[in-house]
């Protein structure tokens, strides 16, 4: 699809946007030509970083509308989640390919609209669900066939960013998507959840219990008010137990095997110190553009996670309303 250099713009120059700059600078045949942010200091810092990494100057903009008028091929959206719908929709309408940080949007209705529009316009969109590219996850995924019970815990220190959304769409969405990635059927029988606002006026800590129609049961806990970081998922299925440590990028497996007519437990532990999930996901997007193939996490896939997150949030609100009554 793209034989020559791919010209990219970046909207949002905070934490994620800066990482996009660093990772894109490592990929041959990609050039950052335009950047945008409402904060002039962030624009200046990003401009200096790009000059340092690539030796090239970039065009700067204070609005995404202005940036989208440039002759770019793709745009990386790293703005607050509440702005994703508006920016991604505008980019697609102008036939700019899009890499958007998670979540795609914060409502299923908006996500469906984005998906339909991208298909209509023939625009490629990839959603930045980074854990799908964590080597500990990709290694474990090949062994996950019929998970009976899934337990995920994701604890983070208060980031001071992402507070335009609740912890479900900010933190828990990572584990929701990881589960979506290895379940063939994500239809839900029921959801039970609880959540509490602690530092912000939105839910900062939440727990959810999800029963899928396939028979899998998942229990998720996420917090952005913890004193430490912890990102672990455990999967139990007949004959095997798998533990994925997303933070340490380590996979542990304990399998039942038969040896000389007797059952034994075989342990396998693998650590992927060189895994760079963010670079891998961006390289995958660039590769999709070059080869004209569907992105690894298109809106149609990300929509599954948005729908589950929406149901969890609705369940929390339902319980709050009933407890007040």
C-alpha atoms as a PDB file:
ATOM      1  CA  UNK A   1       0.000   0.000   0.000  1.00  0.00           C
ATOM      2  CA  UNK A   2       2.798   2.429   0.951  1.00  0.00           C
ATOM      3  CA  UNK A   3       6.054   1.897  -0.911  1.00  0.00           C
ATOM      4  CA  UNK A   4       7.561   5.281  -0.065  1.00  0.00           C
ATOM      5  CA  UNK A   5       7.958   7.111   3.206  1.00  0.00           C
ATOM      6  CA  UNK A   6       4.926   7.187   5.504  1.00  0.00           C
ATOM      7  CA  UNK A   7       4.237  10.700   6.761  1.00  0.00           C
ATOM      8  CA  UNK A   8       2.739  10.815  10.239  1.00  0.00           C
ATOM      9  CA  UNK A   9       1.131  13.388  12.466  1.00  0.00           C
ATOM     10  CA  UNK A  10       0.756  13.139  16.241  1.00  0.00           C
ATOM     11  CA  UNK A  11      -2.156  14.673  18.122  1.00  0.00           C
ATOM     12  CA  UNK A  12      -1.519  14.851  21.871  1.00  0.00           C
ATOM     13  CA  UNK A  13       2.031  15.255  23.154  1.00  0.00           C
ATOM     14  CA  UNK A  14       1.744  14.036  26.714  1.00  0.00           C
ATOM     15  CA  UNK A  15       3.047  10.737  28.093  1.00  0.00           C
ATOM     16  CA  UNK A  16       1.777   8.450  25.304  1.00  0.00           C
ATOM     17  CA  UNK A  17       2.432  10.950  22.510  1.00  0.00           C
ATOM     18  CA  UNK A  18       6.064  11.279  23.577  1.00  0.00           C
ATOM     19  CA  UNK A  19       6.497   7.502  23.529  1.00  0.00           C
ATOM     20  CA  UNK A  20       5.004   7.425  20.017  1.00  0.00           C
ATOM     21  CA  UNK A  21       7.656   9.905  18.920  1.00  0.00           C
ATOM     22  CA  UNK A  22      10.426   7.746  20.381  1.00  0.00           C
ATOM     23  CA  UNK A  23       9.147   4.494  18.848  1.00  0.00           C
ATOM     24  CA  UNK A  24       8.366   5.964  15.421  1.00  0.00           C
ATOM     25  CA  UNK A  25      11.886   7.364  15.229  1.00  0.00           C
ATOM     26  CA  UNK A  26      13.198   3.777  15.329  1.00  0.00           C
ATOM     27  CA  UNK A  27      11.197   2.636  12.296  1.00  0.00           C
ATOM     28  CA  UNK A  28      12.739   3.084   8.857  1.00  0.00           C
ATOM     29  CA  UNK A  29      10.608   4.701   6.209  1.00  0.00           C
ATOM     30  CA  UNK A  30       8.492   6.644   8.698  1.00  0.00           C
ATOM     31  CA  UNK A  31       8.684  10.394   9.196  1.00  0.00           C
ATOM     32  CA  UNK A  32       6.902  12.564  11.749  1.00  0.00           C
ATOM     33  CA  UNK A  33       5.984  15.705   9.843  1.00  0.00           C
ATOM     34  CA  UNK A  34       3.286  17.325  12.006  1.00  0.00           C
ATOM     35  CA  UNK A  35       2.515  17.564  15.720  1.00  0.00           C
ATOM     36  CA  UNK A  36      -0.341  19.086  17.667  1.00  0.00           C
ATOM     37  CA  UNK A  37      -1.213  19.951  21.259  1.00  0.00           C
ATOM     38  CA  UNK A  38      -3.057  22.676  23.110  1.00  0.00           C
ATOM     39  CA  UNK A  39      -0.032  23.154  25.387  1.00  0.00           C
ATOM     40  CA  UNK A  40       2.688  25.276  23.770  1.00  0.00           C
ATOM     41  CA  UNK A  41       5.374  23.930  26.132  1.00  0.00           C
ATOM     42  CA  UNK A  42       4.587  20.353  25.092  1.00  0.00           C
ATOM     43  CA  UNK A  43       4.795  21.353  21.441  1.00  0.00           C
ATOM     44  CA  UNK A  44       8.237  22.879  21.964  1.00  0.00           C
ATOM     45  CA  UNK A  45       9.497  19.834  23.893  1.00  0.00           C
ATOM     46  CA  UNK A  46       8.220  17.456  21.235  1.00  0.00           C
ATOM     47  CA  UNK A  47       9.699  19.554  18.449  1.00  0.00           C
ATOM     48  CA  UNK A  48      13.109  19.463  20.139  1.00  0.00           C
ATOM     49  CA  UNK A  49      12.864  15.703  20.726  1.00  0.00           C
ATOM     50  CA  UNK A  50      12.027  14.985  17.079  1.00  0.00           C
ATOM     51  CA  UNK A  51      14.892  17.200  15.909  1.00  0.00           C
ATOM     52  CA  UNK A  52      17.240  15.341  18.245  1.00  0.00           C
ATOM     53  CA  UNK A  53      16.088  11.873  17.177  1.00  0.00           C
ATOM     54  CA  UNK A  54      15.649  12.415  13.440  1.00  0.00           C
ATOM     55  CA  UNK A  55      17.502  15.616  12.651  1.00  0.00           C
ATOM     56  CA  UNK A  56      14.357  17.030  11.039  1.00  0.00           C
ATOM     57  CA  UNK A  57      12.017  19.894  11.808  1.00  0.00           C
ATOM     58  CA  UNK A  58       8.268  19.444  12.031  1.00  0.00           C
ATOM     59  CA  UNK A  59       5.216  21.579  11.446  1.00  0.00           C
ATOM     60  CA  UNK A  60       3.366  22.496  14.636  1.00  0.00           C
ATOM     61  CA  UNK A  61      -0.355  23.034  15.179  1.00  0.00           C
ATOM     62  CA  UNK A  62      -2.614  24.096  18.025  1.00  0.00           C
ATOM     63  CA  UNK A  63      -5.672  22.249  16.668  1.00  0.00           C
ATOM     64  CA  UNK A  64      -6.182  18.768  15.258  1.00  0.00           C
ATOM     65  CA  UNK A  65      -8.376  20.208  12.504  1.00  0.00           C
ATOM     66  CA  UNK A  66      -5.401  22.178  11.221  1.00  0.00           C
ATOM     67  CA  UNK A  67      -3.083  19.175  11.457  1.00  0.00           C
ATOM     68  CA  UNK A  68      -5.490  17.004   9.471  1.00  0.00           C
ATOM     69  CA  UNK A  69      -5.259  19.469   6.595  1.00  0.00           C
ATOM     70  CA  UNK A  70      -1.572  18.587   6.187  1.00  0.00           C
ATOM     71  CA  UNK A  71      -0.341  16.061   3.640  1.00  0.00           C
ATOM     72  CA  UNK A  72       0.046  13.256   6.159  1.00  0.00           C
ATOM     73  CA  UNK A  73      -0.756   9.595   5.565  1.00  0.00           C
ATOM     74  CA  UNK A  74      -1.530   8.599   9.143  1.00  0.00           C
ATOM     75  CA  UNK A  75      -2.283  10.235  12.454  1.00  0.00           C
ATOM     76  CA  UNK A  76      -1.471   8.998  15.956  1.00  0.00           C
ATOM     77  CA  UNK A  77      -4.097  10.066  18.489  1.00  0.00           C
ATOM     78  CA  UNK A  78      -2.840  10.242  22.085  1.00  0.00           C
ATOM     79  CA  UNK A  79      -5.317  12.681  23.586  1.00  0.00           C
ATOM     80  CA  UNK A  80      -7.726  12.203  26.527  1.00  0.00           C
ATOM     81  CA  UNK A  81     -10.247   9.434  25.857  1.00  0.00           C
ATOM     82  CA  UNK A  82     -13.236  11.774  25.797  1.00  0.00           C
ATOM     83  CA  UNK A  83     -11.801  13.419  22.634  1.00  0.00           C
ATOM     84  CA  UNK A  84     -11.147  10.192  20.682  1.00  0.00           C
ATOM     85  CA  UNK A  85     -14.539  10.005  18.998  1.00  0.00           C
ATOM     86  CA  UNK A  86     -14.370  13.503  17.579  1.00  0.00           C
ATOM     87  CA  UNK A  87     -10.728  13.367  16.430  1.00  0.00           C
ATOM     88  CA  UNK A  88     -10.799   9.835  15.006  1.00  0.00           C
ATOM     89  CA  UNK A  89     -14.053  10.515  13.172  1.00  0.00           C
ATOM     90  CA  UNK A  90     -12.593  13.677  11.603  1.00  0.00           C
ATOM     91  CA  UNK A  91      -9.412  11.858  10.573  1.00  0.00           C
ATOM     92  CA  UNK A  92     -11.360   9.059   8.904  1.00  0.00           C
ATOM     93  CA  UNK A  93     -13.577  11.532   7.066  1.00  0.00           C
ATOM     94  CA  UNK A  94     -10.409  13.046   5.607  1.00  0.00           C
ATOM     95  CA  UNK A  95      -9.103   9.575   4.768  1.00  0.00           C
ATOM     96  CA  UNK A  96      -6.179   9.646   7.173  1.00  0.00           C
ATOM     97  CA  UNK A  97      -5.241   6.268   8.626  1.00  0.00           C
ATOM     98  CA  UNK A  98      -5.409   6.237  12.421  1.00  0.00           C
ATOM     99  CA  UNK A  99      -3.590   4.740  15.373  1.00  0.00           C
ATOM    100  CA  UNK A 100      -5.561   5.677  18.487  1.00  0.00           C
ATOM    101  CA  UNK A 101      -4.601   4.946  22.060  1.00  0.00           C
ATOM    102  CA  UNK A 102      -6.980   2.842  24.133  1.00  0.00           C
ATOM    103  CA  UNK A 103      -9.842   3.027  24.625  1.00  0.00           C
ATOM    104  CA  UNK A 104     -11.169   3.486  21.094  1.00  0.00           C
ATOM    105  CA  UNK A 105     -14.062   5.494  22.545  1.00  0.00           C
ATOM    106  CA  UNK A 106     -16.055   5.401  25.769  1.00  0.00           C
ATOM    107  CA  UNK A 107     -19.387   4.259  24.336  1.00  0.00           C
ATOM    108  CA  UNK A 108     -20.342   1.341  22.138  1.00  0.00           C
ATOM    109  CA  UNK A 109     -22.598   3.559  20.022  1.00  0.00           C
ATOM    110  CA  UNK A 110     -19.723   5.866  19.104  1.00  0.00           C
ATOM    111  CA  UNK A 111     -17.422   2.913  18.498  1.00  0.00           C
ATOM    112  CA  UNK A 112     -19.887   1.324  16.093  1.00  0.00           C
ATOM    113  CA  UNK A 113     -20.096   4.588  14.191  1.00  0.00           C
ATOM    114  CA  UNK A 114     -16.295   4.790  13.932  1.00  0.00           C
ATOM    115  CA  UNK A 115     -16.075   1.187  12.747  1.00  0.00           C
ATOM    116  CA  UNK A 116     -18.735   1.650  10.060  1.00  0.00           C
ATOM    117  CA  UNK A 117     -17.204   4.920   8.864  1.00  0.00           C
ATOM    118  CA  UNK A 118     -13.700   3.425   8.616  1.00  0.00           C
ATOM    119  CA  UNK A 119     -15.015   0.539   6.524  1.00  0.00           C
ATOM    120  CA  UNK A 120     -16.969   2.890   4.282  1.00  0.00           C
ATOM    121  CA  UNK A 121     -13.983   5.192   3.697  1.00  0.00           C
ATOM    122  CA  UNK A 122     -11.456   2.371   3.370  1.00  0.00           C
ATOM    123  CA  UNK A 123      -9.377   3.800   6.203  1.00  0.00           C
ATOM    124  CA  UNK A 124      -7.204   1.654   8.461  1.00  0.00           C
ATOM    125  CA  UNK A 125      -7.641   2.124  12.201  1.00  0.00           C
ATOM    126  CA  UNK A 126      -5.668   0.372  14.929  1.00  0.00           C
ATOM    127  CA  UNK A 127      -6.448   0.705  18.624  1.00  0.00           C
ATOM    128  CA  UNK A 128      -3.520   0.789  21.052  1.00  0.00           C
ATOM    129  CA  UNK A 129      -4.303  -2.190  23.254  1.00  0.00           C
ATOM    130  CA  UNK A 130      -0.648  -2.617  24.076  1.00  0.00           C
ATOM    131  CA  UNK A 131      -0.828  -5.790  26.192  1.00  0.00           C
ATOM    132  CA  UNK A 132      -1.717  -7.807  23.083  1.00  0.00           C
ATOM    133  CA  UNK A 133       1.875  -7.157  22.012  1.00  0.00           C
ATOM    134  CA  UNK A 134       3.463  -8.086  25.327  1.00  0.00           C
ATOM    135  CA  UNK A 135       5.607 -11.176  24.629  1.00  0.00           C
ATOM    136  CA  UNK A 136       4.503 -12.764  27.907  1.00  0.00           C
ATOM    137  CA  UNK A 137       0.908 -12.554  26.652  1.00  0.00           C
ATOM    138  CA  UNK A 138       1.583 -13.747  23.093  1.00  0.00           C
ATOM    139  CA  UNK A 139       3.543 -16.722  24.410  1.00  0.00           C
ATOM    140  CA  UNK A 140       0.793 -17.708  26.850  1.00  0.00           C
ATOM    141  CA  UNK A 141      -1.996 -17.219  24.318  1.00  0.00           C
ATOM    142  CA  UNK A 142      -0.969 -20.240  22.244  1.00  0.00           C
ATOM    143  CA  UNK A 143      -1.720 -22.513  25.213  1.00  0.00           C
ATOM    144  CA  UNK A 144      -5.063 -20.968  26.183  1.00  0.00           C
ATOM    145  CA  UNK A 145      -7.843 -23.048  24.635  1.00  0.00           C
ATOM    146  CA  UNK A 146     -10.744 -23.499  27.053  1.00  0.00           C
ATOM    147  CA  UNK A 147     -10.213 -21.185  30.038  1.00  0.00           C
ATOM    148  CA  UNK A 148     -12.543 -21.992  32.892  1.00  0.00           C
ATOM    149  CA  UNK A 149     -11.515 -19.318  35.371  1.00  0.00           C
ATOM    150  CA  UNK A 150      -9.600 -16.080  34.771  1.00  0.00           C
ATOM    151  CA  UNK A 151      -8.381 -13.832  37.545  1.00  0.00           C
ATOM    152  CA  UNK A 152      -6.870 -10.416  36.692  1.00  0.00           C
ATOM    153  CA  UNK A 153      -5.485  -7.765  39.019  1.00  0.00           C
ATOM    154  CA  UNK A 154      -4.144  -4.448  37.770  1.00  0.00           C
ATOM    155  CA  UNK A 155      -3.084  -1.914  40.365  1.00  0.00           C
ATOM    156  CA  UNK A 156      -1.484   1.429  39.586  1.00  0.00           C
ATOM    157  CA  UNK A 157      -0.371   4.478  41.478  1.00  0.00           C
ATOM    158  CA  UNK A 158      -2.475   7.562  40.832  1.00  0.00           C
ATOM    159  CA  UNK A 159      -1.209   8.827  37.467  1.00  0.00           C
ATOM    160  CA  UNK A 160      -2.595  12.339  37.459  1.00  0.00           C
ATOM    161  CA  UNK A 161      -3.742  11.705  33.870  1.00  0.00           C
ATOM    162  CA  UNK A 162      -6.579   9.740  32.311  1.00  0.00           C
ATOM    163  CA  UNK A 163      -8.955  11.127  34.923  1.00  0.00           C
ATOM    164  CA  UNK A 164     -11.447  12.200  32.274  1.00  0.00           C
ATOM    165  CA  UNK A 165     -12.637   8.589  32.394  1.00  0.00           C
ATOM    166  CA  UNK A 166     -13.231   6.057  35.166  1.00  0.00           C
ATOM    167  CA  UNK A 167     -10.843   3.263  36.100  1.00  0.00           C
ATOM    168  CA  UNK A 168     -12.806   0.775  33.978  1.00  0.00           C
ATOM    169  CA  UNK A 169     -11.999   2.519  30.701  1.00  0.00           C
ATOM    170  CA  UNK A 170      -8.622   3.764  31.954  1.00  0.00           C
ATOM    171  CA  UNK A 171      -7.031   0.698  33.629  1.00  0.00           C
ATOM    172  CA  UNK A 172      -9.364  -2.318  33.567  1.00  0.00           C
ATOM    173  CA  UNK A 173      -9.781  -2.036  29.791  1.00  0.00           C
ATOM    174  CA  UNK A 174      -6.279  -3.559  29.418  1.00  0.00           C
ATOM    175  CA  UNK A 175      -7.351  -6.812  31.055  1.00  0.00           C
ATOM    176  CA  UNK A 176     -10.747  -6.799  29.384  1.00  0.00           C
ATOM    177  CA  UNK A 177      -9.036  -6.639  26.000  1.00  0.00           C
ATOM    178  CA  UNK A 178      -6.511  -9.309  26.963  1.00  0.00           C
ATOM    179  CA  UNK A 179      -9.416 -11.639  27.752  1.00  0.00           C
ATOM    180  CA  UNK A 180     -11.175 -10.714  24.511  1.00  0.00           C
ATOM    181  CA  UNK A 181      -7.949 -11.628  22.726  1.00  0.00           C
ATOM    182  CA  UNK A 182      -8.074 -15.300  23.722  1.00  0.00           C
ATOM    183  CA  UNK A 183     -11.809 -15.981  24.056  1.00  0.00           C
ATOM    184  CA  UNK A 184     -13.567 -17.114  20.893  1.00  0.00           C
ATOM    185  CA  UNK A 185     -16.985 -16.172  22.292  1.00  0.00           C
ATOM    186  CA  UNK A 186     -17.328 -13.002  24.363  1.00  0.00           C
ATOM    187  CA  UNK A 187     -21.104 -13.065  24.746  1.00  0.00           C
ATOM    188  CA  UNK A 188     -21.991 -12.347  28.356  1.00  0.00           C
ATOM    189  CA  UNK A 189     -24.490 -14.145  30.583  1.00  0.00           C
ATOM    190  CA  UNK A 190     -24.161 -11.756  33.519  1.00  0.00           C
ATOM    191  CA  UNK A 191     -21.975  -9.076  35.094  1.00  0.00           C
ATOM    192  CA  UNK A 192     -21.650  -8.196  38.769  1.00  0.00           C
ATOM    193  CA  UNK A 193     -19.455  -5.258  39.684  1.00  0.00           C
ATOM    194  CA  UNK A 194     -18.647  -2.764  42.409  1.00  0.00           C
ATOM    195  CA  UNK A 195     -16.719   0.477  42.292  1.00  0.00           C
ATOM    196  CA  UNK A 196     -15.798   3.462  44.438  1.00  0.00           C
ATOM    197  CA  UNK A 197     -14.532   6.972  43.666  1.00  0.00           C
ATOM    198  CA  UNK A 198     -11.555   7.772  45.910  1.00  0.00           C
ATOM    199  CA  UNK A 199      -9.446  10.627  44.541  1.00  0.00           C
ATOM    200  CA  UNK A 200     -11.474  11.765  41.542  1.00  0.00           C
ATOM    201  CA  UNK A 201     -15.212  12.156  41.091  1.00  0.00           C
ATOM    202  CA  UNK A 202     -15.245   8.998  38.965  1.00  0.00           C
ATOM    203  CA  UNK A 203     -14.759   5.332  39.890  1.00  0.00           C
ATOM    204  CA  UNK A 204     -11.094   4.887  40.909  1.00  0.00           C
ATOM    205  CA  UNK A 205     -11.195   1.279  42.096  1.00  0.00           C
ATOM    206  CA  UNK A 206     -13.478  -1.408  40.702  1.00  0.00           C
ATOM    207  CA  UNK A 207     -14.005  -5.132  40.702  1.00  0.00           C
ATOM    208  CA  UNK A 208     -16.093  -7.120  38.230  1.00  0.00           C
ATOM    209  CA  UNK A 209     -17.276 -10.700  37.908  1.00  0.00           C
ATOM    210  CA  UNK A 210     -18.198 -11.722  34.365  1.00  0.00           C
ATOM    211  CA  UNK A 211     -19.777 -14.996  33.262  1.00  0.00           C
ATOM    212  CA  UNK A 212     -19.354 -15.595  29.538  1.00  0.00           C
ATOM    213  CA  UNK A 213     -21.758 -17.720  27.521  1.00  0.00           C
ATOM    214  CA  UNK A 214     -18.844 -19.992  26.607  1.00  0.00           C
ATOM    215  CA  UNK A 215     -18.634 -21.043  30.259  1.00  0.00           C
ATOM    216  CA  UNK A 216     -15.587 -18.964  31.221  1.00  0.00           C
ATOM    217  CA  UNK A 217     -15.748 -16.975  34.439  1.00  0.00           C
ATOM    218  CA  UNK A 218     -13.569 -13.879  34.818  1.00  0.00           C
ATOM    219  CA  UNK A 219     -12.916 -11.799  37.916  1.00  0.00           C
ATOM    220  CA  UNK A 220     -11.155  -8.474  37.435  1.00  0.00           C
ATOM    221  CA  UNK A 221      -9.884  -5.930  39.937  1.00  0.00           C
ATOM    222  CA  UNK A 222      -8.410  -2.594  38.907  1.00  0.00           C
ATOM    223  CA  UNK A 223      -7.251   0.365  40.942  1.00  0.00           C
ATOM    224  CA  UNK A 224      -5.478   3.630  40.195  1.00  0.00           C
ATOM    225  CA  UNK A 225      -4.996   4.511  43.852  1.00  0.00           C
ATOM    226  CA  UNK A 226      -2.547   1.790  44.853  1.00  0.00           C
ATOM    227  CA  UNK A 227       0.856   2.366  46.438  1.00  0.00           C
ATOM    228  CA  UNK A 228       2.486  -0.039  43.963  1.00  0.00           C
ATOM    229  CA  UNK A 229       2.159  -1.345  40.444  1.00  0.00           C
ATOM    230  CA  UNK A 230       0.825  -4.835  39.886  1.00  0.00           C
ATOM    231  CA  UNK A 231      -0.372  -6.305  36.574  1.00  0.00           C
ATOM    232  CA  UNK A 232      -1.048  -9.996  36.710  1.00  0.00           C
ATOM    233  CA  UNK A 233      -3.507 -12.409  35.106  1.00  0.00           C
ATOM    234  CA  UNK A 234      -4.062 -16.043  35.997  1.00  0.00           C
ATOM    235  CA  UNK A 235      -5.810 -18.511  33.712  1.00  0.00           C
ATOM    236  CA  UNK A 236      -7.035 -21.941  34.795  1.00  0.00           C
ATOM    237  CA  UNK A 237      -8.158 -24.583  32.326  1.00  0.00           C
ATOM    238  CA  UNK A 238      -8.185 -28.388  32.311  1.00  0.00           C
ATOM    239  CA  UNK A 239      -4.636 -29.659  32.606  1.00  0.00           C
ATOM    240  CA  UNK A 240      -2.870 -26.297  32.780  1.00  0.00           C
ATOM    241  CA  UNK A 241      -2.465 -23.173  34.921  1.00  0.00           C
ATOM    242  CA  UNK A 242      -0.945 -20.066  33.351  1.00  0.00           C
ATOM    243  CA  UNK A 243       0.197 -16.884  35.062  1.00  0.00           C
ATOM    244  CA  UNK A 244       1.020 -13.761  33.047  1.00  0.00           C
ATOM    245  CA  UNK A 245       2.915 -10.935  34.698  1.00  0.00           C
ATOM    246  CA  UNK A 246       2.490  -8.037  32.277  1.00  0.00           C
ATOM    247  CA  UNK A 247       4.740  -5.735  34.287  1.00  0.00           C
ATOM    248  CA  UNK A 248       7.664  -8.137  34.615  1.00  0.00           C
ATOM    249  CA  UNK A 249       6.900  -9.634  31.168  1.00  0.00           C
ATOM    250  CA  UNK A 250       7.013 -13.130  32.585  1.00  0.00           C
ATOM    251  CA  UNK A 251       4.898 -16.219  31.928  1.00  0.00           C
ATOM    252  CA  UNK A 252       4.619 -19.182  34.276  1.00  0.00           C
ATOM    253  CA  UNK A 253       2.935 -22.428  33.222  1.00  0.00           C
ATOM    254  CA  UNK A 254       2.182 -25.535  35.216  1.00  0.00           C
ATOM    255  CA  UNK A 255       0.942 -28.457  33.110  1.00  0.00           C
ATOM    256  CA  UNK A 256      -0.225 -31.945  33.980  1.00  0.00           C
ATOM    257  CA  UNK A 257       1.715 -34.526  32.016  1.00  0.00           C
ATOM    258  CA  UNK A 258       1.869 -38.294  32.099  1.00  0.00           C
ATOM    259  CA  UNK A 259       5.261 -39.841  32.756  1.00  0.00           C
ATOM    260  CA  UNK A 260       5.695 -43.627  33.019  1.00  0.00           C
ATOM    261  CA  UNK A 261       1.995 -44.039  33.594  1.00  0.00           C
ATOM    262  CA  UNK A 262       1.863 -41.436  36.355  1.00  0.00           C
ATOM    263  CA  UNK A 263       0.660 -37.844  36.287  1.00  0.00           C
ATOM    264  CA  UNK A 264       3.230 -35.186  37.079  1.00  0.00           C
ATOM    265  CA  UNK A 265       3.321 -31.397  37.080  1.00  0.00           C
ATOM    266  CA  UNK A 266       5.670 -29.799  34.559  1.00  0.00           C
ATOM    267  CA  UNK A 267       6.693 -26.218  35.318  1.00  0.00           C
ATOM    268  CA  UNK A 268       7.870 -23.728  32.717  1.00  0.00           C
ATOM    269  CA  UNK A 269       8.870 -20.141  33.405  1.00  0.00           C
ATOM    270  CA  UNK A 270       9.802 -17.719  30.636  1.00  0.00           C
ATOM    271  CA  UNK A 271      10.864 -14.087  30.970  1.00  0.00           C
ATOM    272  CA  UNK A 272      10.879 -11.704  28.019  1.00  0.00           C
ATOM    273  CA  UNK A 273      13.182  -8.906  29.119  1.00  0.00           C
ATOM    274  CA  UNK A 274      13.632  -7.537  25.590  1.00  0.00           C
ATOM    275  CA  UNK A 275       9.906  -7.281  24.899  1.00  0.00           C
ATOM    276  CA  UNK A 276       8.889  -3.767  23.827  1.00  0.00           C
ATOM    277  CA  UNK A 277       5.086  -3.908  23.437  1.00  0.00           C
ATOM    278  CA  UNK A 278       4.648  -0.274  22.412  1.00  0.00           C
ATOM    279  CA  UNK A 279       7.243  -0.506  19.686  1.00  0.00           C
ATOM    280  CA  UNK A 280       5.740  -3.800  18.510  1.00  0.00           C
ATOM    281  CA  UNK A 281       2.209  -2.406  18.223  1.00  0.00           C
ATOM    282  CA  UNK A 282       3.395   0.635  16.279  1.00  0.00           C
ATOM    283  CA  UNK A 283       5.503  -1.550  13.986  1.00  0.00           C
ATOM    284  CA  UNK A 284       2.435  -3.735  13.401  1.00  0.00           C
ATOM    285  CA  UNK A 285       0.411  -0.683  12.391  1.00  0.00           C
ATOM    286  CA  UNK A 286       3.119   0.509   9.999  1.00  0.00           C
ATOM    287  CA  UNK A 287       3.393  -2.998   8.548  1.00  0.00           C
ATOM    288  CA  UNK A 288      -0.379  -3.075   7.969  1.00  0.00           C
ATOM    289  CA  UNK A 289      -0.150   0.225   6.111  1.00  0.00           C
ATOM    290  CA  UNK A 290       2.711  -1.005   3.944  1.00  0.00           C
ATOM    291  CA  UNK A 291       1.094  -4.331   3.093  1.00  0.00           C
ATOM    292  CA  UNK A 292      -2.491  -3.131   2.842  1.00  0.00           C
ATOM    293  CA  UNK A 293      -3.756  -5.694   5.335  1.00  0.00           C
ATOM    294  CA  UNK A 294      -6.234  -5.271   8.185  1.00  0.00           C
ATOM    295  CA  UNK A 295      -4.752  -3.902  11.391  1.00  0.00           C
ATOM    296  CA  UNK A 296      -4.257  -6.364  14.247  1.00  0.00           C
ATOM    297  CA  UNK A 297      -6.743  -4.584  16.507  1.00  0.00           C
ATOM    298  CA  UNK A 298      -9.295  -2.837  14.279  1.00  0.00           C
ATOM    299  CA  UNK A 299     -12.356  -1.035  15.676  1.00  0.00           C
ATOM    300  CA  UNK A 300     -14.477  -4.164  15.203  1.00  0.00           C
ATOM    301  CA  UNK A 301     -12.203  -5.975  17.683  1.00  0.00           C
ATOM    302  CA  UNK A 302     -11.818  -3.068  20.101  1.00  0.00           C
ATOM    303  CA  UNK A 303     -15.605  -2.701  20.178  1.00  0.00           C
ATOM    304  CA  UNK A 304     -15.855  -5.996  22.075  1.00  0.00           C
ATOM    305  CA  UNK A 305     -13.845  -4.522  24.938  1.00  0.00           C
ATOM    306  CA  UNK A 306     -15.812  -1.264  24.853  1.00  0.00           C
ATOM    307  CA  UNK A 307     -19.090  -3.185  25.146  1.00  0.00           C
ATOM    308  CA  UNK A 308     -17.861  -5.257  28.109  1.00  0.00           C
ATOM    309  CA  UNK A 309     -16.494  -2.150  29.852  1.00  0.00           C
ATOM    310  CA  UNK A 310     -19.798  -0.405  29.273  1.00  0.00           C
ATOM    311  CA  UNK A 311     -21.703  -3.315  30.844  1.00  0.00           C
ATOM    312  CA  UNK A 312     -19.376  -3.279  33.867  1.00  0.00           C
ATOM    313  CA  UNK A 313     -19.910   0.444  34.312  1.00  0.00           C
ATOM    314  CA  UNK A 314     -23.674   0.077  33.972  1.00  0.00           C
ATOM    315  CA  UNK A 315     -23.619  -2.661  36.598  1.00  0.00           C
ATOM    316  CA  UNK A 316     -21.742  -0.390  39.019  1.00  0.00           C
ATOM    317  CA  UNK A 317     -24.202   2.437  38.528  1.00  0.00           C
ATOM    318  CA  UNK A 318     -27.109   0.033  38.979  1.00  0.00           C
ATOM    319  CA  UNK A 319     -25.748  -1.157  42.314  1.00  0.00           C
ATOM    320  CA  UNK A 320     -25.088   2.399  43.495  1.00  0.00           C
ATOM    321  CA  UNK A 321     -28.586   3.549  42.632  1.00  0.00           C
ATOM    322  CA  UNK A 322     -30.136   0.573  44.409  1.00  0.00           C
ATOM    323  CA  UNK A 323     -27.965   0.991  47.498  1.00  0.00           C
ATOM    324  CA  UNK A 324     -28.975   4.637  47.782  1.00  0.00           C
ATOM    325  CA  UNK A 325     -32.646   3.673  47.405  1.00  0.00           C
END
